[in-house]
N, C-alpha and C. Protein backbone atom coordinates (compact mmCIF):
# COMPACT_ATOMS: atom_id res chain seq x y z
N MET A 1 58.43 8.73 121.59
CA MET A 1 58.40 9.73 120.55
C MET A 1 56.96 10.19 120.35
N LYS A 2 56.82 11.43 119.98
CA LYS A 2 55.50 11.98 119.68
C LYS A 2 55.28 11.85 118.17
N ALA A 3 54.10 11.32 117.81
CA ALA A 3 53.77 11.13 116.41
C ALA A 3 52.45 11.82 116.09
N THR A 4 52.33 12.28 114.86
CA THR A 4 51.11 12.92 114.38
C THR A 4 50.74 12.34 113.03
N ILE A 5 49.46 12.02 112.88
CA ILE A 5 48.95 11.52 111.61
C ILE A 5 47.74 12.38 111.23
N ILE A 6 47.74 12.90 110.03
CA ILE A 6 46.59 13.64 109.52
C ILE A 6 45.76 12.65 108.70
N VAL A 7 44.47 12.58 109.02
CA VAL A 7 43.60 11.58 108.41
C VAL A 7 42.48 12.20 107.59
N GLN A 8 41.84 11.35 106.82
CA GLN A 8 40.68 11.72 106.02
C GLN A 8 39.40 11.26 106.75
N ASN A 9 38.29 11.86 106.43
CA ASN A 9 36.96 11.48 106.89
C ASN A 9 36.64 11.84 108.35
N LEU A 10 37.52 12.52 109.04
CA LEU A 10 37.27 12.91 110.43
C LEU A 10 36.38 14.15 110.43
N LYS A 11 35.16 14.00 110.92
CA LYS A 11 34.18 15.08 110.81
C LYS A 11 33.64 15.60 112.13
N CYS A 12 33.58 14.74 113.17
CA CYS A 12 32.85 15.17 114.36
C CYS A 12 33.37 14.49 115.62
N GLY A 13 32.70 14.78 116.72
CA GLY A 13 33.06 14.19 118.00
C GLY A 13 32.87 12.69 118.05
N GLY A 14 31.89 12.18 117.30
CA GLY A 14 31.70 10.73 117.24
C GLY A 14 32.89 10.05 116.61
N CYS A 15 33.38 10.63 115.53
CA CYS A 15 34.60 10.11 114.88
C CYS A 15 35.77 10.15 115.86
N ALA A 16 35.94 11.30 116.51
CA ALA A 16 37.05 11.48 117.45
C ALA A 16 36.98 10.49 118.59
N ASN A 17 35.78 10.22 119.09
CA ASN A 17 35.60 9.28 120.18
C ASN A 17 36.03 7.87 119.76
N THR A 18 35.60 7.44 118.59
CA THR A 18 35.97 6.11 118.09
C THR A 18 37.48 6.01 117.87
N ILE A 19 38.06 7.03 117.26
CA ILE A 19 39.50 7.02 117.01
C ILE A 19 40.27 6.95 118.32
N THR A 20 39.90 7.78 119.28
CA THR A 20 40.58 7.78 120.57
C THR A 20 40.51 6.40 121.22
N LYS A 21 39.34 5.80 121.21
CA LYS A 21 39.16 4.48 121.83
C LYS A 21 40.01 3.43 121.14
N LYS A 22 39.93 3.36 119.81
CA LYS A 22 40.65 2.30 119.08
C LYS A 22 42.17 2.48 119.13
N VAL A 23 42.64 3.70 118.99
CA VAL A 23 44.10 3.92 119.01
C VAL A 23 44.64 3.70 120.43
N SER A 24 43.89 4.07 121.44
CA SER A 24 44.33 3.87 122.83
C SER A 24 44.44 2.40 123.20
N GLU A 25 43.74 1.54 122.48
CA GLU A 25 43.81 0.10 122.74
C GLU A 25 45.10 -0.54 122.24
N ILE A 26 45.85 0.17 121.41
CA ILE A 26 47.09 -0.38 120.85
C ILE A 26 48.18 -0.35 121.91
N GLU A 27 48.80 -1.50 122.10
CA GLU A 27 49.87 -1.62 123.09
C GLU A 27 51.01 -0.67 122.77
N LYS A 28 51.55 -0.03 123.78
CA LYS A 28 52.68 0.91 123.70
C LYS A 28 52.31 2.27 123.12
N VAL A 29 51.02 2.52 122.90
CA VAL A 29 50.56 3.82 122.42
C VAL A 29 49.83 4.51 123.56
N SER A 30 50.16 5.77 123.80
CA SER A 30 49.53 6.51 124.91
C SER A 30 49.31 7.96 124.53
N ASP A 31 48.64 8.67 125.42
CA ASP A 31 48.40 10.12 125.27
C ASP A 31 47.80 10.46 123.90
N VAL A 32 46.76 9.74 123.54
CA VAL A 32 46.10 9.95 122.24
C VAL A 32 45.25 11.23 122.32
N PHE A 33 45.45 12.12 121.35
CA PHE A 33 44.67 13.34 121.25
C PHE A 33 44.19 13.49 119.81
N VAL A 34 42.89 13.74 119.66
CA VAL A 34 42.30 13.91 118.33
C VAL A 34 41.85 15.35 118.18
N ASP A 35 42.39 16.02 117.17
CA ASP A 35 41.99 17.39 116.84
C ASP A 35 41.10 17.30 115.60
N LYS A 36 39.77 17.30 115.84
CA LYS A 36 38.85 17.10 114.72
C LYS A 36 38.86 18.26 113.74
N ASP A 37 39.16 19.47 114.22
CA ASP A 37 39.19 20.62 113.32
C ASP A 37 40.32 20.55 112.30
N GLN A 38 41.42 19.91 112.69
CA GLN A 38 42.56 19.79 111.77
C GLN A 38 42.73 18.36 111.25
N SER A 39 41.80 17.48 111.61
CA SER A 39 41.87 16.07 111.21
C SER A 39 43.20 15.43 111.60
N LYS A 40 43.65 15.73 112.81
CA LYS A 40 44.98 15.32 113.25
C LYS A 40 44.89 14.46 114.50
N ILE A 41 45.62 13.34 114.49
CA ILE A 41 45.73 12.47 115.65
C ILE A 41 47.18 12.52 116.13
N THR A 42 47.35 12.84 117.40
CA THR A 42 48.68 12.92 118.00
C THR A 42 48.75 11.90 119.13
N PHE A 43 49.89 11.24 119.26
CA PHE A 43 50.04 10.22 120.30
C PHE A 43 51.52 9.99 120.61
N GLU A 44 51.77 9.32 121.71
CA GLU A 44 53.12 8.94 122.11
C GLU A 44 53.30 7.45 121.85
N CYS A 45 54.49 7.08 121.36
CA CYS A 45 54.83 5.68 121.14
C CYS A 45 56.35 5.55 121.07
N PRO A 46 56.86 4.34 121.27
CA PRO A 46 58.32 4.18 121.28
C PRO A 46 59.00 4.12 119.91
N SER A 47 58.27 3.73 118.86
CA SER A 47 58.96 3.55 117.58
C SER A 47 58.01 3.67 116.38
N GLU A 48 58.60 3.63 115.21
CA GLU A 48 57.85 3.71 113.95
C GLU A 48 56.93 2.49 113.77
N THR A 49 57.27 1.38 114.41
CA THR A 49 56.42 0.19 114.34
C THR A 49 55.02 0.49 114.83
N GLU A 50 54.92 1.19 115.96
CA GLU A 50 53.61 1.55 116.51
C GLU A 50 52.90 2.57 115.63
N VAL A 51 53.65 3.49 115.03
CA VAL A 51 53.05 4.48 114.13
C VAL A 51 52.38 3.75 112.97
N ASN A 52 53.06 2.77 112.41
CA ASN A 52 52.48 1.99 111.31
C ASN A 52 51.25 1.20 111.76
N HIS A 53 51.31 0.69 112.99
CA HIS A 53 50.15 -0.03 113.54
C HIS A 53 48.96 0.92 113.70
N VAL A 54 49.22 2.13 114.17
CA VAL A 54 48.16 3.13 114.30
C VAL A 54 47.57 3.46 112.93
N LYS A 55 48.42 3.66 111.93
CA LYS A 55 47.93 3.95 110.58
C LYS A 55 47.04 2.82 110.06
N SER A 56 47.44 1.58 110.29
CA SER A 56 46.65 0.43 109.85
C SER A 56 45.31 0.39 110.56
N THR A 57 45.32 0.66 111.85
CA THR A 57 44.10 0.66 112.64
C THR A 57 43.16 1.76 112.16
N LEU A 58 43.71 2.95 111.94
CA LEU A 58 42.89 4.07 111.46
C LEU A 58 42.25 3.74 110.11
N LYS A 59 43.02 3.17 109.22
CA LYS A 59 42.48 2.81 107.91
C LYS A 59 41.38 1.76 108.04
N ALA A 60 41.58 0.80 108.92
CA ALA A 60 40.59 -0.27 109.11
C ALA A 60 39.25 0.25 109.63
N ILE A 61 39.28 1.35 110.38
CA ILE A 61 38.02 1.90 110.90
C ILE A 61 37.50 3.07 110.07
N GLY A 62 38.16 3.34 108.93
CA GLY A 62 37.63 4.33 107.99
C GLY A 62 38.30 5.69 107.99
N TYR A 63 39.47 5.79 108.59
CA TYR A 63 40.18 7.07 108.66
C TYR A 63 41.61 6.93 108.15
N PRO A 64 41.76 6.74 106.83
CA PRO A 64 43.12 6.57 106.29
C PRO A 64 43.92 7.88 106.38
N SER A 65 45.23 7.74 106.45
CA SER A 65 46.08 8.93 106.46
C SER A 65 45.97 9.61 105.10
N MET A 66 46.41 10.85 105.05
CA MET A 66 46.27 11.66 103.84
C MET A 66 46.99 11.05 102.63
N ASP A 67 48.01 10.24 102.87
CA ASP A 67 48.76 9.65 101.77
C ASP A 67 48.20 8.31 101.29
N GLU A 68 47.05 7.90 101.85
CA GLU A 68 46.44 6.63 101.47
C GLU A 68 45.15 6.85 100.67
N ASP A 69 44.76 5.83 99.94
CA ASP A 69 43.53 5.87 99.14
C ASP A 69 42.31 5.97 100.06
N ASN A 70 41.34 6.77 99.66
CA ASN A 70 40.11 6.95 100.42
C ASN A 70 38.94 6.46 99.56
N SER A 71 38.79 5.15 99.50
CA SER A 71 37.78 4.53 98.65
C SER A 71 36.37 4.70 99.23
N LEU A 72 35.39 4.37 98.44
CA LEU A 72 34.01 4.43 98.90
C LEU A 72 33.81 3.51 100.11
N MET A 73 34.42 2.34 100.10
CA MET A 73 34.31 1.41 101.23
C MET A 73 34.90 2.02 102.50
N THR A 74 36.03 2.71 102.36
CA THR A 74 36.65 3.36 103.52
C THR A 74 35.75 4.45 104.06
N LYS A 75 35.13 5.22 103.19
CA LYS A 75 34.21 6.27 103.62
C LYS A 75 33.00 5.68 104.34
N MET A 76 32.52 4.54 103.86
CA MET A 76 31.40 3.87 104.52
C MET A 76 31.80 3.38 105.91
N LYS A 77 33.02 2.86 106.04
CA LYS A 77 33.52 2.42 107.35
C LYS A 77 33.58 3.60 108.31
N SER A 78 33.98 4.76 107.82
CA SER A 78 34.07 5.92 108.71
C SER A 78 32.68 6.35 109.19
N MET A 79 31.66 6.20 108.35
CA MET A 79 30.31 6.55 108.78
C MET A 79 29.84 5.62 109.90
N VAL A 80 30.15 4.34 109.80
CA VAL A 80 29.80 3.38 110.84
C VAL A 80 30.57 3.70 112.12
N SER A 81 31.87 3.98 111.99
CA SER A 81 32.69 4.33 113.15
C SER A 81 32.19 5.59 113.82
N CYS A 82 31.78 6.56 113.02
CA CYS A 82 31.25 7.81 113.54
C CYS A 82 29.99 7.55 114.35
N ALA A 83 29.07 6.77 113.79
CA ALA A 83 27.82 6.48 114.48
C ALA A 83 28.08 5.73 115.78
N THR A 84 29.01 4.78 115.75
CA THR A 84 29.38 4.04 116.95
C THR A 84 29.94 4.98 118.01
N GLY A 85 30.76 5.91 117.59
CA GLY A 85 31.34 6.88 118.52
C GLY A 85 30.31 7.80 119.13
N LYS A 86 29.30 8.17 118.36
CA LYS A 86 28.22 9.03 118.87
C LYS A 86 27.39 8.29 119.91
N ILE A 87 27.12 7.01 119.66
CA ILE A 87 26.32 6.22 120.57
C ILE A 87 27.05 6.02 121.91
N SER A 88 28.34 5.83 121.86
CA SER A 88 29.10 5.52 123.08
C SER A 88 29.56 6.76 123.84
N GLN A 89 29.20 7.96 123.37
CA GLN A 89 29.62 9.18 124.07
C GLN A 89 28.87 9.36 125.37
């Protein structure tokens, strides 16, 4: 199934790079595409279980879905993830 999650805090290519790397590491998730202009992550997976795993992973690295709380700590995590993504480009 094709799934799409719209996230918060996605600002640049560094963010997109980190998101692509981390989500691609999840078993049974493939074809990860990050649209930074629309803050949208699209991917293929077999079930809702993987979608929930992706949402948890995104929140852990600072990119919660639009329906989740975006605390100061989450925003700080996204800044670290962004910087990491810029360095590894």
